[in-house]
Amino acid sequence: MSSFALSLRSQVARANISLGQGDIDRALGIAHDFVERIVTEPLCTSQVFGSRLLDDLCFRIGCANLRAMSSSQSVAPPAVEGRARIAYVVSRLQSSGGHLRLILDFIRSQPEKDHVIYATGVAGPSDERFLVAALARCGNACFVAAPRGSFGSRLTWLQNVLHALRPEHAYLFNHHQDSVAVAALVPQLGVPGSFCHHGDHHLCLGVYLDHLTHIDLHPMGYHYCRAELGVQNHYLPLTFEDHGYVPVRTAFSSGGVLTTATVARSNKVEIPYYVSYLELIPQVLKVTGGRHLHIGRLTPWAIRGMRSKMRELGVPQDRLIYMDWTASVWKSLQEHKVDVYLASFPYGAGLTLIEAMGAGIPVIMHRHMYSRVLSGLELAYPEAFHWSDPNALLDYLGAMEPKELWKEGQIARRWYETYHRPEVLRAYLRDPASFNLPVPPLAIDFELCLDEWAAWAESQLSFPRLAYRSAYRLGRRIRSCLS
């Protein structure tokens, strides 16, 4: 039996003792802390996806807490009848978070209903100011954050408000370690629900909740959860509001230089890996003689490192255009007349890739050294170029022809129209039972690059990386305590 299983079973046993003693807060904390430790261990990234033991523990905690609430008569009365209501249970929402955009699509797709987002705050506080403004534009939605308190008090609050709201459906968009959110939605609450598997590159609580509809948002996750984890799931592709496809002539198509772009924050690209995004982009600029647009906040030392490498290669500094945030990735890519989108690595990003394809921009994918999920190849159209050897990427960019890019841009747009328009989401929400969009097949036979993986794994055992991991975990714990 693996050390993971032994460690997991010992933690669940501890939680069971606490649960038997009525200490629900401690039981929730044990589940949270175990997942937090796995999530912050790089060697487990995209290796461990779910745990039946932990999900069963959360289920039993939720049932026990609801029974205790009922016996103490602390359960709020059901809400009065009126318009149908939809609930979304989240851990934390940020202005730049991908699942906020997805939730907004759910809301916009059902304008005839009222929508309430409940945040547990387990992963830290949400950007409430931004959220209130964003939801006000919808006109039929509001955001409610849990009062500060223990895990147990937040669970009681969440089950209480869900019971009072009596939503037609509740969608669970929890962070990986949010035991409160996962424990809340038990069948005895009387609220039909769906688990939206967006925390899909780490161990995530909720994967094995059989009483909820399991929704996978990309083909890689759908195939893996069904074939490897044995989950009876549904495929609902990520969607994004159509901001228009207006093919424009770029400098490259007119005989000028190539403009590339990537959208990613530091948590996607500032990751130890066999090839560094921060070092490769200056080489891309050297080969193409063009420009690169980066959208997404990077750390100051990452930006300095990129610009230092550009100076070393003799690349002018104005060839790198850095934007830490934009209101619309789609529009920014069009305004900067981007020729080709380079998917982020080592961690890919789904919605920004979809925005690029919707805008009619060809995409280039990275084949991750060990993870199909982190590669995201199946999110893109089958004709998209993908690379694992940096030299192959540089050669491909150096040989690009405007005519081929023009054709591929049209292919990208068609792929968006088939899978990722809001109409796809509306069709699912109207009648989930009859929704039958074909799931894209797995693109390639995926094999582990053992030599690259071994070198990367060894680097994670160095003292600087271990020290960084400890500091990172401490920071996350402090943020959680302050929420």
Protein backbone atom coordinates (compact mmCIF):
# COMPACT_ATOMS: atom_id res chain seq x y z
CA MET A 1 0.00 0.00 0.00
CA SER A 2 1.38 3.42 -0.91
CA SER A 3 2.48 5.97 1.70
CA PHE A 4 -0.23 8.27 0.29
CA ALA A 5 -2.93 5.72 1.17
CA LEU A 6 -1.48 5.04 4.62
CA SER A 7 -1.21 8.74 5.38
CA LEU A 8 -4.68 9.37 4.02
CA ARG A 9 -6.25 6.56 6.03
CA SER A 10 -4.60 7.79 9.22
CA GLN A 11 -5.95 11.30 8.66
CA VAL A 12 -9.45 10.02 7.93
CA ALA A 13 -9.27 7.91 11.08
CA ARG A 14 -8.38 11.05 13.08
CA ALA A 15 -11.28 12.90 11.48
CA ASN A 16 -13.66 10.05 12.28
CA ILE A 17 -12.71 10.26 15.96
CA SER A 18 -13.40 14.00 15.95
CA LEU A 19 -16.69 13.49 14.13
CA GLY A 20 -17.75 10.83 16.65
CA GLN A 21 -17.06 13.34 19.43
CA GLY A 22 -19.20 15.94 17.70
CA ASP A 23 -16.21 18.12 16.78
CA ILE A 24 -17.29 18.90 13.22
CA ASP A 25 -14.93 21.84 12.91
CA ARG A 26 -11.87 19.68 13.58
CA ALA A 27 -13.04 16.97 11.16
CA LEU A 28 -13.46 19.56 8.41
CA GLY A 29 -10.05 21.01 9.21
CA ILE A 30 -8.31 17.65 8.92
CA ALA A 31 -9.77 17.09 5.43
CA HIS A 32 -8.87 20.64 4.40
CA ASP A 33 -5.30 20.43 5.69
CA PHE A 34 -4.57 17.10 4.02
CA VAL A 35 -5.70 18.34 0.60
CA GLU A 36 -3.83 21.61 1.13
CA ARG A 37 -0.61 19.67 1.67
CA ILE A 38 -1.09 17.58 -1.47
CA VAL A 39 -2.03 20.62 -3.59
CA THR A 40 1.11 22.51 -2.53
CA GLU A 41 3.38 19.55 -3.33
CA PRO A 42 4.59 19.96 -6.94
CA LEU A 43 5.32 16.24 -7.30
CA CYS A 44 1.56 15.56 -6.91
CA THR A 45 0.43 18.06 -9.56
CA SER A 46 -1.77 16.32 -12.11
CA GLN A 47 -0.94 12.96 -10.51
CA VAL A 48 -3.62 12.72 -7.78
CA PHE A 49 -7.14 13.86 -8.76
CA GLY A 50 -9.66 12.63 -6.22
CA SER A 51 -10.21 10.57 -3.07
CA ARG A 52 -13.27 8.48 -2.26
CA LEU A 53 -12.21 8.33 1.38
CA LEU A 54 -12.10 12.11 1.74
CA ASP A 55 -15.33 12.66 -0.18
CA ASP A 56 -17.09 10.06 1.96
CA LEU A 57 -15.75 11.83 5.05
CA CYS A 58 -17.10 15.19 3.85
CA PHE A 59 -20.45 13.57 3.07
CA ARG A 60 -20.74 12.14 6.57
CA ILE A 61 -19.70 15.47 8.12
CA GLY A 62 -22.39 17.29 6.13
CA CYS A 63 -25.08 14.81 7.17
CA ALA A 64 -24.05 14.98 10.83
CA ASN A 65 -24.03 18.78 10.83
CA LEU A 66 -27.47 18.98 9.20
CA ARG A 67 -28.89 16.55 11.78
CA ALA A 68 -27.44 18.66 14.60
CA MET A 69 -28.92 21.81 13.06
CA SER A 70 -32.36 20.21 12.74
CA SER A 71 -32.36 18.94 16.34
CA SER A 72 -31.42 22.40 17.61
CA GLN A 73 -34.03 24.03 15.34
CA SER A 74 -31.42 26.38 13.88
CA VAL A 75 -32.45 25.67 10.30
CA ALA A 76 -33.91 28.75 8.63
CA PRO A 77 -37.44 28.46 7.16
CA PRO A 78 -37.70 27.96 3.39
CA ALA A 79 -37.98 31.08 1.26
CA VAL A 80 -41.30 32.22 -0.16
CA GLU A 81 -42.19 31.13 -3.66
CA GLY A 82 -41.34 33.34 -6.62
CA ARG A 83 -38.92 33.26 -9.51
CA ALA A 84 -36.79 30.17 -9.80
CA ARG A 85 -33.47 30.52 -8.00
CA ILE A 86 -30.04 29.11 -8.85
CA ALA A 87 -27.24 28.87 -6.27
CA TYR A 88 -23.49 28.74 -6.84
CA VAL A 89 -21.23 27.59 -4.03
CA VAL A 90 -17.66 28.82 -4.39
CA SER A 91 -14.60 29.06 -2.18
CA ARG A 92 -13.21 32.32 -3.49
CA LEU A 93 -13.69 34.52 -6.56
CA GLN A 94 -11.18 36.93 -8.06
CA SER A 95 -11.49 39.47 -10.85
CA SER A 96 -9.07 37.46 -12.99
CA GLY A 97 -10.35 33.99 -12.09
CA GLY A 98 -11.51 31.77 -14.92
CA HIS A 99 -14.40 30.19 -13.03
CA LEU A 100 -15.93 33.61 -12.32
CA ARG A 101 -16.27 34.11 -16.08
CA LEU A 102 -17.87 30.68 -16.37
CA ILE A 103 -20.35 31.43 -13.57
CA LEU A 104 -21.25 34.71 -15.29
CA ASP A 105 -22.01 32.70 -18.44
CA PHE A 106 -24.32 30.44 -16.38
CA ILE A 107 -26.10 33.54 -15.08
CA ARG A 108 -26.42 35.23 -18.47
CA SER A 109 -27.76 32.00 -19.97
CA GLN A 110 -30.71 31.99 -17.53
CA PRO A 111 -31.99 35.58 -17.39
CA GLU A 112 -35.46 34.46 -16.29
CA LYS A 113 -34.09 33.17 -12.96
CA ASP A 114 -32.49 34.74 -9.89
CA HIS A 115 -28.91 33.76 -9.02
CA VAL A 116 -27.05 33.79 -5.72
CA ILE A 117 -23.32 33.13 -5.30
CA TYR A 118 -22.32 31.90 -1.83
CA ALA A 119 -18.61 32.05 -0.97
CA THR A 120 -17.24 30.03 1.95
CA GLY A 121 -14.04 32.08 2.09
CA VAL A 122 -12.08 28.93 2.90
CA ALA A 123 -9.44 29.73 0.25
CA GLY A 124 -9.30 33.39 1.28
CA PRO A 125 -11.50 36.45 0.78
CA SER A 126 -13.09 37.23 -2.57
CA ASP A 127 -12.77 40.49 -4.47
CA GLU A 128 -16.20 41.66 -3.27
CA ARG A 129 -15.97 45.14 -4.72
CA PHE A 130 -15.36 43.81 -8.20
CA LEU A 131 -17.99 41.09 -7.83
CA VAL A 132 -20.76 43.39 -6.69
CA ALA A 133 -20.14 45.65 -9.69
CA ALA A 134 -19.95 42.73 -12.13
CA LEU A 135 -23.15 41.11 -10.85
CA ALA A 136 -25.02 44.42 -10.79
CA ARG A 137 -24.62 44.51 -14.57
CA CYS A 138 -26.43 41.16 -14.76
CA GLY A 139 -29.44 42.55 -12.90
CA ASN A 140 -30.54 39.19 -11.50
CA ALA A 141 -27.62 38.06 -9.34
CA CYS A 142 -25.99 38.78 -6.01
CA PHE A 143 -22.92 37.72 -4.02
CA VAL A 144 -22.97 36.65 -0.36
CA ALA A 145 -19.82 35.88 1.62
CA ALA A 146 -19.80 33.63 4.67
CA PRO A 147 -19.29 35.38 8.01
CA ARG A 148 -15.80 34.98 9.41
CA GLY A 149 -15.54 32.01 11.70
CA SER A 150 -14.54 28.38 12.03
CA PHE A 151 -15.01 25.70 9.39
CA GLY A 152 -17.93 24.34 11.41
CA SER A 153 -19.70 27.69 11.69
CA ARG A 154 -19.29 28.29 7.95
CA LEU A 155 -20.79 24.89 7.18
CA THR A 156 -23.79 25.64 9.40
CA TRP A 157 -24.21 29.02 7.73
CA LEU A 158 -24.01 27.53 4.23
CA GLN A 159 -26.48 24.72 4.87
CA ASN A 160 -28.81 27.23 6.50
CA VAL A 161 -28.81 29.69 3.60
CA LEU A 162 -29.22 26.94 1.01
CA HIS A 163 -32.16 25.50 2.94
CA ALA A 164 -33.73 28.94 3.16
CA LEU A 165 -33.17 29.76 -0.51
CA ARG A 166 -34.49 26.42 -1.79
CA PRO A 167 -32.77 26.83 -5.16
CA GLU A 168 -33.91 24.95 -8.22
CA HIS A 169 -30.31 23.80 -8.59
CA ALA A 170 -26.96 24.41 -6.90
CA TYR A 171 -23.62 24.35 -8.73
CA LEU A 172 -20.52 23.50 -6.72
CA PHE A 173 -17.42 25.40 -7.89
CA ASN A 174 -15.18 24.68 -4.90
CA HIS A 175 -11.43 25.07 -4.63
CA HIS A 176 -9.53 21.82 -4.12
CA GLN A 177 -9.35 21.90 -0.32
CA ASP A 178 -12.76 23.39 0.52
CA SER A 179 -14.24 20.74 2.80
CA VAL A 180 -16.97 23.17 3.89
CA ALA A 181 -18.44 23.57 0.39
CA VAL A 182 -18.25 19.85 -0.37
CA ALA A 183 -19.82 18.84 2.94
CA ALA A 184 -22.75 21.24 2.57
CA LEU A 185 -24.61 19.71 -0.38
CA VAL A 186 -25.96 16.48 1.06
CA PRO A 187 -29.18 14.86 -0.25
CA GLN A 188 -31.05 15.53 3.04
CA LEU A 189 -30.80 19.25 2.26
CA GLY A 190 -33.26 18.70 -0.59
CA VAL A 191 -31.28 20.75 -3.12
CA PRO A 192 -30.42 19.12 -6.49
CA GLY A 193 -26.84 19.90 -7.42
CA SER A 194 -23.89 19.53 -9.78
CA PHE A 195 -20.18 19.31 -9.07
CA CYS A 196 -18.33 21.42 -11.66
CA HIS A 197 -14.86 19.90 -11.84
CA HIS A 198 -12.75 23.00 -12.43
CA GLY A 199 -10.04 22.20 -9.84
CA ASP A 200 -8.92 19.55 -12.26
CA HIS A 201 -5.12 19.45 -12.12
CA HIS A 202 -4.84 18.52 -8.40
CA LEU A 203 -6.52 16.41 -5.78
CA CYS A 204 -9.95 18.03 -5.45
CA LEU A 205 -12.66 17.32 -2.92
CA GLY A 206 -16.01 16.45 -4.50
CA VAL A 207 -14.91 14.31 -7.44
CA TYR A 208 -16.66 11.20 -6.04
CA LEU A 209 -19.90 12.74 -4.77
CA ASP A 210 -22.34 10.27 -6.33
CA HIS A 211 -25.46 12.28 -5.38
CA LEU A 212 -24.32 15.24 -7.51
CA THR A 213 -24.08 15.41 -11.30
CA HIS A 214 -20.36 15.38 -12.12
CA ILE A 215 -19.59 17.89 -14.89
CA ASP A 216 -16.23 17.90 -16.66
CA LEU A 217 -15.44 21.05 -18.59
CA HIS A 218 -12.88 19.74 -21.06
CA PRO A 219 -12.30 16.52 -23.00
CA MET A 220 -9.13 15.53 -21.11
CA GLY A 221 -10.93 15.62 -17.77
CA TYR A 222 -14.00 13.88 -19.15
CA HIS A 223 -12.04 10.95 -20.53
CA TYR A 224 -9.79 10.65 -17.47
CA CYS A 225 -12.59 10.82 -14.89
CA ARG A 226 -14.67 8.28 -16.79
CA ALA A 227 -11.94 5.80 -17.81
CA GLU A 228 -9.47 6.06 -14.93
CA LEU A 229 -11.53 7.19 -11.93
CA GLY A 230 -14.74 5.35 -12.84
CA VAL A 231 -16.94 8.45 -12.48
CA GLN A 232 -20.22 8.64 -14.38
CA ASN A 233 -19.78 12.15 -15.68
CA HIS A 234 -21.16 14.63 -18.21
CA TYR A 235 -19.23 16.73 -20.72
CA LEU A 236 -20.11 20.42 -20.76
CA PRO A 237 -17.49 22.41 -22.66
CA LEU A 238 -16.27 25.75 -21.41
CA THR A 239 -18.11 28.56 -23.12
CA PHE A 240 -17.40 32.23 -23.61
CA GLU A 241 -19.49 35.15 -24.78
CA ASP A 242 -18.95 35.91 -28.47
CA HIS A 243 -17.19 39.26 -28.88
CA GLY A 244 -17.09 39.04 -32.64
CA TYR A 245 -14.91 37.65 -35.39
CA VAL A 246 -13.58 40.34 -37.69
CA PRO A 247 -10.53 39.10 -39.61
CA VAL A 248 -7.95 41.89 -39.75
CA ARG A 249 -4.79 42.31 -41.76
CA THR A 250 -1.81 42.21 -39.41
CA ALA A 251 1.72 43.46 -39.99
CA PHE A 252 2.80 39.89 -40.61
CA SER A 253 0.13 39.27 -43.23
CA SER A 254 1.31 42.47 -44.97
CA GLY A 255 4.92 41.35 -45.12
CA GLY A 256 5.92 42.57 -41.65
CA VAL A 257 6.87 40.87 -38.40
CA LEU A 258 5.00 38.21 -36.43
CA THR A 259 3.05 39.10 -33.28
CA THR A 260 2.62 36.30 -30.72
CA ALA A 261 0.71 36.39 -27.43
CA THR A 262 0.21 34.45 -24.19
CA VAL A 263 -2.25 35.03 -21.37
CA ALA A 264 -1.24 33.69 -17.97
CA ARG A 265 -0.52 34.78 -14.44
CA SER A 266 2.60 33.78 -12.55
CA ASN A 267 0.93 30.65 -11.18
CA LYS A 268 0.77 29.25 -14.74
CA VAL A 269 4.24 30.03 -16.08
CA GLU A 270 6.58 30.70 -13.13
CA ILE A 271 6.76 27.00 -12.32
CA PRO A 272 9.95 24.89 -12.22
CA TYR A 273 9.96 22.92 -15.46
CA TYR A 274 12.36 21.54 -18.06
CA VAL A 275 11.73 24.55 -20.29
CA SER A 276 11.20 28.05 -18.91
CA TYR A 277 8.54 30.35 -20.38
CA LEU A 278 10.56 33.31 -19.11
CA GLU A 279 13.64 32.20 -21.06
CA LEU A 280 11.87 30.87 -24.16
CA ILE A 281 9.88 34.01 -25.03
CA PRO A 282 13.05 36.10 -25.59
CA GLN A 283 14.25 33.34 -27.93
CA VAL A 284 10.90 33.48 -29.75
CA LEU A 285 11.37 37.23 -30.22
CA LYS A 286 14.91 36.66 -31.50
CA VAL A 287 13.73 34.13 -34.09
CA THR A 288 10.65 36.01 -35.30
CA GLY A 289 12.01 39.53 -35.08
CA GLY A 290 8.48 40.41 -33.99
CA ARG A 291 6.53 41.29 -30.87
CA HIS A 292 5.11 39.27 -27.98
CA LEU A 293 2.10 40.37 -25.95
CA HIS A 294 1.91 38.97 -22.41
CA ILE A 295 -1.32 39.48 -20.48
CA GLY A 296 -1.38 38.45 -16.82
CA ARG A 297 0.43 39.51 -13.67
CA LEU A 298 3.98 38.21 -13.32
CA THR A 299 6.30 38.72 -10.38
CA PRO A 300 8.75 41.64 -10.69
CA TRP A 301 11.76 39.31 -10.79
CA ALA A 302 10.16 37.29 -13.60
CA ILE A 303 9.76 40.42 -15.72
CA ARG A 304 13.33 41.47 -14.95
CA GLY A 305 14.54 38.02 -15.93
CA MET A 306 12.74 38.13 -19.29
CA ARG A 307 14.09 41.59 -20.10
CA SER A 308 17.59 40.59 -19.03
CA LYS A 309 17.47 37.61 -21.41
CA MET A 310 16.25 39.93 -24.18
CA ARG A 311 19.27 42.20 -23.64
CA GLU A 312 21.55 39.17 -23.72
CA LEU A 313 20.08 38.12 -27.10
CA GLY A 314 20.09 41.65 -28.51
CA VAL A 315 16.28 41.91 -28.66
CA PRO A 316 14.91 45.47 -28.30
CA GLN A 317 12.91 45.95 -25.09
CA ASP A 318 9.86 47.35 -26.87
CA ARG A 319 9.27 43.97 -28.54
CA LEU A 320 7.78 42.67 -25.27
CA ILE A 321 4.39 44.20 -24.45
CA TYR A 322 3.38 43.47 -20.86
CA MET A 323 -0.14 43.98 -19.49
CA ASP A 324 -0.89 42.72 -15.99
CA TRP A 325 -4.66 42.70 -16.61
CA THR A 326 -7.23 43.48 -19.27
CA ALA A 327 -11.01 43.71 -19.15
CA SER A 328 -11.23 41.59 -22.32
CA VAL A 329 -8.54 39.20 -23.50
CA TRP A 330 -10.52 38.69 -26.71
CA LYS A 331 -10.55 42.40 -27.59
CA SER A 332 -6.94 42.94 -26.54
CA LEU A 333 -5.73 40.16 -28.84
CA GLN A 334 -7.63 41.74 -31.72
CA GLU A 335 -6.52 45.29 -30.92
CA HIS A 336 -2.85 44.25 -30.86
CA LYS A 337 -3.36 42.35 -34.14
CA VAL A 338 -1.99 39.10 -32.75
CA ASP A 339 -1.04 36.56 -35.41
CA VAL A 340 -0.74 33.44 -33.28
CA TYR A 341 -1.51 32.54 -29.65
CA LEU A 342 1.04 30.50 -27.66
CA ALA A 343 -0.73 28.49 -24.96
CA SER A 344 0.81 28.95 -21.52
CA PHE A 345 3.12 26.32 -20.06
CA PRO A 346 3.79 24.34 -17.95
CA TYR A 347 0.17 24.95 -16.89
CA GLY A 348 -2.36 25.64 -19.62
CA ALA A 349 -5.40 27.90 -19.30
CA GLY A 350 -8.77 26.95 -20.81
CA LEU A 351 -10.87 30.09 -21.14
CA THR A 352 -8.14 32.30 -22.54
CA LEU A 353 -7.43 29.68 -25.19
CA ILE A 354 -11.12 29.71 -26.10
CA GLU A 355 -11.09 33.50 -26.35
CA ALA A 356 -8.18 33.32 -28.78
CA MET A 357 -9.95 30.76 -30.98
CA GLY A 358 -13.19 32.74 -30.82
CA ALA A 359 -11.32 35.80 -32.04
CA GLY A 360 -10.14 33.72 -35.01
CA ILE A 361 -6.50 33.50 -33.90
CA PRO A 362 -4.48 30.32 -34.58
CA VAL A 363 -3.13 28.63 -31.46
CA ILE A 364 0.01 26.67 -30.64
CA MET A 365 -0.17 24.10 -27.84
CA HIS A 366 2.47 22.71 -25.51
CA ARG A 367 2.64 18.97 -24.89
CA HIS A 368 3.36 18.70 -21.17
CA MET A 369 6.10 16.27 -20.17
CA TYR A 370 3.81 14.02 -18.13
CA SER A 371 0.23 15.31 -18.02
CA ARG A 372 -2.48 15.23 -20.66
CA VAL A 373 -4.64 17.51 -18.49
CA LEU A 374 -1.93 20.15 -18.17
CA SER A 375 -1.29 19.95 -21.92
CA GLY A 376 -4.88 20.70 -22.89
CA LEU A 377 -4.32 19.56 -26.49
CA GLU A 378 -7.94 18.43 -26.90
CA LEU A 379 -9.25 21.89 -26.04
CA ALA A 380 -7.82 23.14 -29.31
CA TYR A 381 -8.77 22.16 -32.85
CA PRO A 382 -6.99 18.97 -34.04
CA GLU A 383 -4.89 20.81 -36.66
CA ALA A 384 -3.20 23.03 -34.05
CA PHE A 385 0.57 22.64 -33.86
CA HIS A 386 1.90 21.28 -30.57
CA TRP A 387 5.46 21.04 -29.30
CA SER A 388 7.53 19.53 -26.53
CA ASP A 389 11.00 20.38 -27.87
CA PRO A 390 11.59 24.18 -27.70
CA ASN A 391 13.65 24.00 -30.89
CA ALA A 392 10.64 22.58 -32.73
CA LEU A 393 8.59 25.60 -31.64
CA LEU A 394 11.28 28.04 -32.75
CA ASP A 395 11.63 26.30 -36.12
CA TYR A 396 7.86 26.33 -36.63
CA LEU A 397 7.56 30.04 -35.83
CA GLY A 398 10.51 30.88 -38.05
CA ALA A 399 8.91 29.13 -41.03
CA MET A 400 5.37 30.51 -40.68
CA GLU A 401 3.51 31.72 -43.76
CA PRO A 402 0.71 34.34 -43.60
CA LYS A 403 -1.51 32.33 -45.96
CA GLU A 404 -1.43 29.27 -43.71
CA LEU A 405 -2.16 31.35 -40.62
CA TRP A 406 -5.18 32.90 -42.33
CA LYS A 407 -6.65 29.44 -43.03
CA GLU A 408 -5.92 28.22 -39.52
CA GLY A 409 -7.60 31.27 -38.02
CA GLN A 410 -10.82 30.26 -39.77
CA ILE A 411 -10.45 26.70 -38.41
CA ALA A 412 -10.00 28.12 -34.90
CA ARG A 413 -13.16 30.19 -35.23
CA ARG A 414 -15.19 27.20 -36.46
CA TRP A 415 -13.99 25.14 -33.48
CA TYR A 416 -15.16 27.90 -31.13
CA GLU A 417 -18.55 28.06 -32.86
CA THR A 418 -19.02 24.29 -32.57
CA TYR A 419 -18.04 23.82 -28.92
CA HIS A 420 -17.67 27.05 -27.02
CA ARG A 421 -20.44 29.52 -27.89
CA PRO A 422 -22.89 30.48 -25.10
CA GLU A 423 -25.64 28.72 -27.10
CA VAL A 424 -23.99 25.41 -26.17
CA LEU A 425 -24.35 26.20 -22.47
CA ARG A 426 -27.94 27.39 -22.93
CA ALA A 427 -28.82 24.13 -24.68
CA TYR A 428 -27.44 22.16 -21.72
CA LEU A 429 -29.24 24.28 -19.13
CA ARG A 430 -32.57 23.99 -20.98
CA ASP A 431 -32.50 20.20 -20.98
CA PRO A 432 -29.41 18.47 -19.51
CA ALA A 433 -30.88 15.01 -20.14
CA SER A 434 -31.05 15.47 -23.93
CA PHE A 435 -27.78 17.39 -24.29
CA ASN A 436 -25.57 15.26 -26.51
CA LEU A 437 -22.58 17.20 -27.84
CA PRO A 438 -19.90 14.76 -29.07
CA VAL A 439 -16.82 14.70 -26.86
CA PRO A 440 -13.60 15.37 -28.84
CA PRO A 441 -11.46 12.22 -28.82
CA LEU A 442 -8.04 12.11 -27.21
CA ALA A 443 -5.59 13.63 -29.66
CA ILE A 444 -2.46 11.51 -29.24
CA ASP A 445 -1.11 8.50 -27.39
CA PHE A 446 0.31 10.25 -24.36
CA GLU A 447 3.59 8.95 -22.98
CA LEU A 448 5.55 10.13 -19.97
CA CYS A 449 8.85 11.86 -20.85
CA LEU A 450 10.76 10.01 -18.15
CA ASP A 451 14.10 11.78 -18.59
CA GLU A 452 12.60 15.27 -18.40
CA TRP A 453 10.29 14.29 -15.55
CA ALA A 454 13.14 12.78 -13.52
CA ALA A 455 15.26 15.91 -13.90
CA TRP A 456 12.34 18.12 -12.87
CA ALA A 457 11.39 15.90 -9.92
CA GLU A 458 14.97 15.94 -8.65
CA SER A 459 14.98 19.74 -8.71
CA GLN A 460 11.94 19.75 -6.41
CA LEU A 461 14.00 18.06 -3.68
CA SER A 462 16.60 20.84 -3.55
CA PHE A 463 16.82 22.97 -0.40
CA PRO A 464 15.68 26.23 -2.13
CA ARG A 465 12.57 24.53 -3.54
CA LEU A 466 11.74 22.89 -0.19
CA ALA A 467 12.19 26.23 1.59
CA TYR A 468 10.01 27.98 -0.97
CA ARG A 469 7.31 25.33 -0.57
CA SER A 470 7.30 25.78 3.22
CA ALA A 471 7.04 29.56 2.91
CA TYR A 472 4.29 29.23 0.29
CA ARG A 473 2.26 26.90 2.51
CA LEU A 474 2.70 29.23 5.48
CA GLY A 475 1.45 32.15 3.39
CA ARG A 476 -1.64 30.21 2.30
CA ARG A 477 -2.39 29.26 5.91
CA ILE A 478 -2.06 32.85 7.10
CA ARG A 479 -4.36 34.06 4.31
CA SER A 480 -6.91 31.39 5.23
CA CYS A 481 -6.80 32.38 8.92
CA LEU A 482 -7.35 36.03 8.03
CA SER A 483 -10.42 35.30 5.90
